[in-house]
Amino acid sequence: MDSANASSSGPEAVQPAVAGLSERDGAILGFERHWWKYAGAKEQAIRDQFQMSATRYYQVLNALIDRPEALAHDPLLVKRLRRLRAARQRARSARRLGIEV
């Protein structure tokens, strides 16, 4: 393991600030990276931490992962979230068309 990977290998590794990414956006990406560490349901943790409904959180998250600043901030997380979103969209389309996926 090289020194660059060793310094950011911990679960609480802080990503450097990226121009164009607000503090809230960075907090949302950080939460999405480590949400399973929070006690209780994810929706309750979203309400407690961001004071917004789960629906609004996912709207903000979906807009955020389309931004190049978010990709620069945490490429692995953003690419994983984009893949999951695309898979859900394909599954919804297949169900509408009656295709077995």
N, C-alpha and C. Protein backbone atom coordinates (compact mmCIF):
# COMPACT_ATOMS: atom_id res chain seq x y z
N MET A 1 0.85 -1.18 0.00
CA MET A 1 0.00 0.00 0.00
C MET A 1 0.89 1.23 0.00
N ASP A 2 0.64 2.17 -0.87
CA ASP A 2 1.47 3.36 -0.91
C ASP A 2 0.99 4.38 0.12
N SER A 3 1.79 5.41 0.35
CA SER A 3 1.49 6.37 1.41
C SER A 3 0.22 7.17 1.13
N ALA A 4 -0.10 7.41 -0.13
CA ALA A 4 -1.33 8.15 -0.46
C ALA A 4 -2.56 7.37 -0.04
N ASN A 5 -2.56 6.06 -0.26
CA ASN A 5 -3.70 5.24 0.14
C ASN A 5 -3.73 5.03 1.64
N ALA A 6 -2.59 4.95 2.27
CA ALA A 6 -2.53 4.71 3.70
C ALA A 6 -3.10 5.88 4.47
N SER A 7 -2.88 7.11 4.00
CA SER A 7 -3.35 8.27 4.73
C SER A 7 -4.86 8.44 4.66
N SER A 8 -5.51 7.88 3.64
CA SER A 8 -6.95 8.07 3.50
C SER A 8 -7.71 6.76 3.62
N SER A 9 -7.09 5.77 4.23
CA SER A 9 -7.73 4.45 4.27
C SER A 9 -8.72 4.30 5.42
N GLY A 10 -8.68 5.16 6.42
CA GLY A 10 -9.59 5.04 7.55
C GLY A 10 -11.00 5.40 7.16
N PRO A 11 -11.99 4.84 7.89
CA PRO A 11 -13.38 5.12 7.55
C PRO A 11 -13.76 6.58 7.73
N GLU A 12 -13.07 7.30 8.60
CA GLU A 12 -13.38 8.70 8.81
C GLU A 12 -12.45 9.61 8.01
N ALA A 13 -11.85 9.10 6.95
CA ALA A 13 -10.95 9.90 6.14
C ALA A 13 -11.72 11.09 5.57
N VAL A 14 -11.15 12.27 5.73
CA VAL A 14 -11.81 13.49 5.28
C VAL A 14 -11.34 13.79 3.86
N GLN A 15 -12.31 14.00 2.98
CA GLN A 15 -11.99 14.36 1.61
C GLN A 15 -11.71 15.85 1.57
N PRO A 16 -10.72 16.29 0.78
CA PRO A 16 -10.46 17.73 0.67
C PRO A 16 -11.64 18.44 0.03
N ALA A 17 -11.81 19.70 0.41
CA ALA A 17 -12.91 20.48 -0.15
C ALA A 17 -12.70 20.69 -1.65
N VAL A 18 -13.78 20.65 -2.38
CA VAL A 18 -13.73 20.84 -3.82
C VAL A 18 -14.51 22.11 -4.13
N ALA A 19 -13.95 22.96 -4.99
CA ALA A 19 -14.63 24.20 -5.37
C ALA A 19 -15.97 23.87 -6.00
N GLY A 20 -17.00 24.60 -5.62
CA GLY A 20 -18.32 24.39 -6.18
C GLY A 20 -19.17 23.41 -5.41
N LEU A 21 -18.62 22.77 -4.41
CA LEU A 21 -19.36 21.79 -3.62
C LEU A 21 -19.60 22.41 -2.24
N SER A 22 -20.86 22.62 -1.89
CA SER A 22 -21.17 23.26 -0.61
C SER A 22 -20.88 22.32 0.55
N GLU A 23 -20.88 22.88 1.74
CA GLU A 23 -20.65 22.08 2.94
C GLU A 23 -21.75 21.02 3.08
N ARG A 24 -22.99 21.40 2.78
CA ARG A 24 -24.11 20.44 2.86
C ARG A 24 -23.92 19.31 1.86
N ASP A 25 -23.49 19.65 0.63
CA ASP A 25 -23.27 18.62 -0.37
C ASP A 25 -22.19 17.64 0.07
N GLY A 26 -21.11 18.16 0.64
CA GLY A 26 -20.06 17.30 1.16
C GLY A 26 -20.56 16.43 2.30
N ALA A 27 -21.42 17.01 3.16
CA ALA A 27 -21.98 16.24 4.27
C ALA A 27 -22.90 15.13 3.76
N ILE A 28 -23.66 15.41 2.71
CA ILE A 28 -24.54 14.40 2.13
C ILE A 28 -23.73 13.25 1.56
N LEU A 29 -22.65 13.58 0.84
CA LEU A 29 -21.80 12.51 0.30
C LEU A 29 -21.15 11.71 1.42
N GLY A 30 -20.71 12.40 2.47
CA GLY A 30 -20.13 11.70 3.62
C GLY A 30 -21.14 10.80 4.31
N PHE A 31 -22.36 11.29 4.46
CA PHE A 31 -23.42 10.49 5.07
C PHE A 31 -23.70 9.25 4.23
N GLU A 32 -23.79 9.43 2.92
CA GLU A 32 -24.10 8.32 2.03
C GLU A 32 -22.98 7.29 2.04
N ARG A 33 -21.77 7.73 2.25
CA ARG A 33 -20.62 6.84 2.32
C ARG A 33 -20.67 5.98 3.58
N HIS A 34 -21.19 6.53 4.70
CA HIS A 34 -21.14 5.84 5.99
C HIS A 34 -22.48 5.75 6.69
N TRP A 35 -23.59 5.72 5.97
CA TRP A 35 -24.90 5.80 6.61
C TRP A 35 -25.20 4.62 7.51
N TRP A 36 -24.63 3.45 7.25
CA TRP A 36 -24.95 2.27 8.06
C TRP A 36 -24.40 2.38 9.48
N LYS A 37 -23.54 3.35 9.75
CA LYS A 37 -22.99 3.52 11.09
C LYS A 37 -23.97 4.20 12.04
N TYR A 38 -25.02 4.79 11.47
CA TYR A 38 -25.98 5.50 12.30
C TYR A 38 -27.02 4.53 12.85
N ALA A 39 -27.39 4.73 14.11
CA ALA A 39 -28.37 3.86 14.74
C ALA A 39 -29.74 4.12 14.15
N GLY A 40 -30.54 3.07 14.04
CA GLY A 40 -31.91 3.23 13.57
C GLY A 40 -32.02 3.24 12.06
N ALA A 41 -33.18 3.64 11.61
CA ALA A 41 -33.47 3.65 10.18
C ALA A 41 -32.73 4.81 9.50
N LYS A 42 -32.40 4.59 8.23
CA LYS A 42 -31.70 5.62 7.46
C LYS A 42 -32.56 6.87 7.34
N GLU A 43 -33.87 6.69 7.15
CA GLU A 43 -34.76 7.85 7.00
C GLU A 43 -34.75 8.73 8.25
N GLN A 44 -34.70 8.10 9.42
CA GLN A 44 -34.65 8.87 10.67
C GLN A 44 -33.32 9.60 10.80
N ALA A 45 -32.23 8.94 10.41
CA ALA A 45 -30.92 9.59 10.45
C ALA A 45 -30.88 10.78 9.50
N ILE A 46 -31.52 10.66 8.35
CA ILE A 46 -31.59 11.77 7.39
C ILE A 46 -32.33 12.95 8.02
N ARG A 47 -33.47 12.67 8.66
CA ARG A 47 -34.24 13.75 9.30
C ARG A 47 -33.42 14.40 10.42
N ASP A 48 -32.73 13.58 11.22
CA ASP A 48 -31.96 14.11 12.34
C ASP A 48 -30.77 14.94 11.88
N GLN A 49 -30.08 14.47 10.87
CA GLN A 49 -28.84 15.13 10.46
C GLN A 49 -29.06 16.30 9.51
N PHE A 50 -30.02 16.19 8.60
CA PHE A 50 -30.18 17.21 7.56
C PHE A 50 -31.48 18.01 7.68
N GLN A 51 -32.35 17.67 8.61
CA GLN A 51 -33.62 18.36 8.80
C GLN A 51 -34.40 18.46 7.49
N MET A 52 -34.48 17.34 6.77
CA MET A 52 -35.28 17.28 5.55
C MET A 52 -35.89 15.89 5.46
N SER A 53 -36.96 15.79 4.68
CA SER A 53 -37.60 14.49 4.51
C SER A 53 -36.70 13.59 3.66
N ALA A 54 -36.94 12.30 3.75
CA ALA A 54 -36.17 11.34 2.95
C ALA A 54 -36.38 11.60 1.46
N THR A 55 -37.60 11.96 1.08
CA THR A 55 -37.89 12.24 -0.33
C THR A 55 -37.04 13.40 -0.82
N ARG A 56 -37.00 14.49 -0.06
CA ARG A 56 -36.20 15.66 -0.45
C ARG A 56 -34.71 15.31 -0.47
N TYR A 57 -34.25 14.53 0.50
CA TYR A 57 -32.85 14.11 0.56
C TYR A 57 -32.46 13.38 -0.72
N TYR A 58 -33.30 12.45 -1.16
CA TYR A 58 -32.97 11.69 -2.37
C TYR A 58 -33.05 12.55 -3.62
N GLN A 59 -33.91 13.55 -3.63
CA GLN A 59 -33.93 14.50 -4.75
C GLN A 59 -32.61 15.27 -4.81
N VAL A 60 -32.17 15.75 -3.66
CA VAL A 60 -30.90 16.49 -3.59
C VAL A 60 -29.74 15.57 -3.95
N LEU A 61 -29.74 14.35 -3.43
CA LEU A 61 -28.66 13.40 -3.71
C LEU A 61 -28.59 13.07 -5.20
N ASN A 62 -29.72 12.84 -5.84
CA ASN A 62 -29.72 12.52 -7.27
C ASN A 62 -29.20 13.68 -8.10
N ALA A 63 -29.56 14.90 -7.75
CA ALA A 63 -29.01 16.06 -8.46
C ALA A 63 -27.52 16.19 -8.19
N LEU A 64 -27.11 15.91 -6.96
CA LEU A 64 -25.71 16.04 -6.57
C LEU A 64 -24.81 15.05 -7.31
N ILE A 65 -25.23 13.81 -7.47
CA ILE A 65 -24.35 12.83 -8.11
C ILE A 65 -24.21 13.06 -9.61
N ASP A 66 -25.02 13.95 -10.17
CA ASP A 66 -24.86 14.31 -11.58
C ASP A 66 -23.84 15.43 -11.77
N ARG A 67 -23.40 16.04 -10.70
CA ARG A 67 -22.48 17.17 -10.79
C ARG A 67 -21.02 16.71 -10.87
N PRO A 68 -20.22 17.34 -11.74
CA PRO A 68 -18.80 16.96 -11.85
C PRO A 68 -18.01 17.22 -10.56
N GLU A 69 -18.44 18.21 -9.78
CA GLU A 69 -17.76 18.50 -8.51
C GLU A 69 -17.88 17.33 -7.55
N ALA A 70 -19.05 16.69 -7.53
CA ALA A 70 -19.24 15.54 -6.66
C ALA A 70 -18.37 14.37 -7.13
N LEU A 71 -18.28 14.18 -8.43
CA LEU A 71 -17.44 13.12 -8.98
C LEU A 71 -15.98 13.36 -8.61
N ALA A 72 -15.54 14.61 -8.66
CA ALA A 72 -14.17 14.93 -8.28
C ALA A 72 -13.94 14.73 -6.79
N HIS A 73 -14.96 14.98 -5.98
CA HIS A 73 -14.86 14.87 -4.52
C HIS A 73 -14.74 13.42 -4.08
N ASP A 74 -15.57 12.54 -4.62
CA ASP A 74 -15.56 11.13 -4.21
C ASP A 74 -15.97 10.26 -5.39
N PRO A 75 -15.04 9.97 -6.31
CA PRO A 75 -15.40 9.26 -7.54
C PRO A 75 -15.98 7.87 -7.32
N LEU A 76 -15.44 7.11 -6.38
CA LEU A 76 -15.96 5.75 -6.16
C LEU A 76 -17.40 5.76 -5.69
N LEU A 77 -17.70 6.61 -4.73
CA LEU A 77 -19.06 6.70 -4.21
C LEU A 77 -20.04 7.17 -5.28
N VAL A 78 -19.67 8.23 -5.98
CA VAL A 78 -20.57 8.80 -6.98
C VAL A 78 -20.83 7.80 -8.11
N LYS A 79 -19.79 7.12 -8.56
CA LYS A 79 -19.98 6.11 -9.62
C LYS A 79 -20.85 4.96 -9.13
N ARG A 80 -20.68 4.54 -7.88
CA ARG A 80 -21.52 3.46 -7.33
C ARG A 80 -22.98 3.91 -7.25
N LEU A 81 -23.21 5.13 -6.79
CA LEU A 81 -24.58 5.63 -6.69
C LEU A 81 -25.21 5.78 -8.07
N ARG A 82 -24.43 6.21 -9.05
CA ARG A 82 -24.95 6.31 -10.42
C ARG A 82 -25.32 4.94 -10.97
N ARG A 83 -24.48 3.93 -10.71
CA ARG A 83 -24.78 2.57 -11.18
C ARG A 83 -26.05 2.03 -10.53
N LEU A 84 -26.20 2.25 -9.22
CA LEU A 84 -27.41 1.80 -8.54
C LEU A 84 -28.65 2.48 -9.08
N ARG A 85 -28.55 3.77 -9.34
CA ARG A 85 -29.69 4.51 -9.89
C ARG A 85 -30.05 3.99 -11.28
N ALA A 86 -29.04 3.75 -12.11
CA ALA A 86 -29.29 3.24 -13.46
C ALA A 86 -29.92 1.85 -13.41
N ALA A 87 -29.48 1.01 -12.49
CA ALA A 87 -30.05 -0.33 -12.36
C ALA A 87 -31.52 -0.26 -11.94
N ARG A 88 -31.84 0.64 -11.01
CA ARG A 88 -33.24 0.80 -10.60
C ARG A 88 -34.09 1.32 -11.76
N GLN A 89 -33.54 2.25 -12.54
CA GLN A 89 -34.29 2.77 -13.69
C GLN A 89 -34.54 1.67 -14.72
N ARG A 90 -33.53 0.83 -14.98
CA ARG A 90 -33.71 -0.28 -15.92
C ARG A 90 -34.76 -1.26 -15.42
N ALA A 91 -34.74 -1.56 -14.12
CA ALA A 91 -35.72 -2.49 -13.55
C ALA A 91 -37.14 -1.92 -13.66
N ARG A 92 -37.30 -0.61 -13.40
CA ARG A 92 -38.62 0.01 -13.53
C ARG A 92 -39.11 -0.05 -14.96
N SER A 93 -38.23 0.27 -15.90
CA SER A 93 -38.61 0.23 -17.32
C SER A 93 -38.99 -1.18 -17.75
N ALA A 94 -38.24 -2.16 -17.30
CA ALA A 94 -38.52 -3.55 -17.66
C ALA A 94 -39.87 -3.98 -17.09
N ARG A 95 -40.17 -3.58 -15.86
CA ARG A 95 -41.47 -3.94 -15.28
C ARG A 95 -42.60 -3.33 -16.07
N ARG A 96 -42.44 -2.07 -16.50
CA ARG A 96 -43.48 -1.41 -17.29
C ARG A 96 -43.71 -2.13 -18.61
N LEU A 97 -42.63 -2.63 -19.20
CA LEU A 97 -42.72 -3.30 -20.48
C LEU A 97 -43.02 -4.79 -20.36
N GLY A 98 -43.04 -5.29 -19.13
CA GLY A 98 -43.32 -6.70 -18.90
C GLY A 98 -42.15 -7.62 -19.23
N ILE A 99 -40.95 -7.08 -19.17
CA ILE A 99 -39.75 -7.85 -19.47
C ILE A 99 -39.15 -8.35 -18.16
N GLU A 100 -38.72 -9.60 -18.15
CA GLU A 100 -38.05 -10.19 -16.97
C GLU A 100 -36.58 -9.78 -17.00
N VAL A 101 -36.11 -9.14 -15.94
CA VAL A 101 -34.71 -8.71 -15.88
C VAL A 101 -33.89 -9.67 -15.08
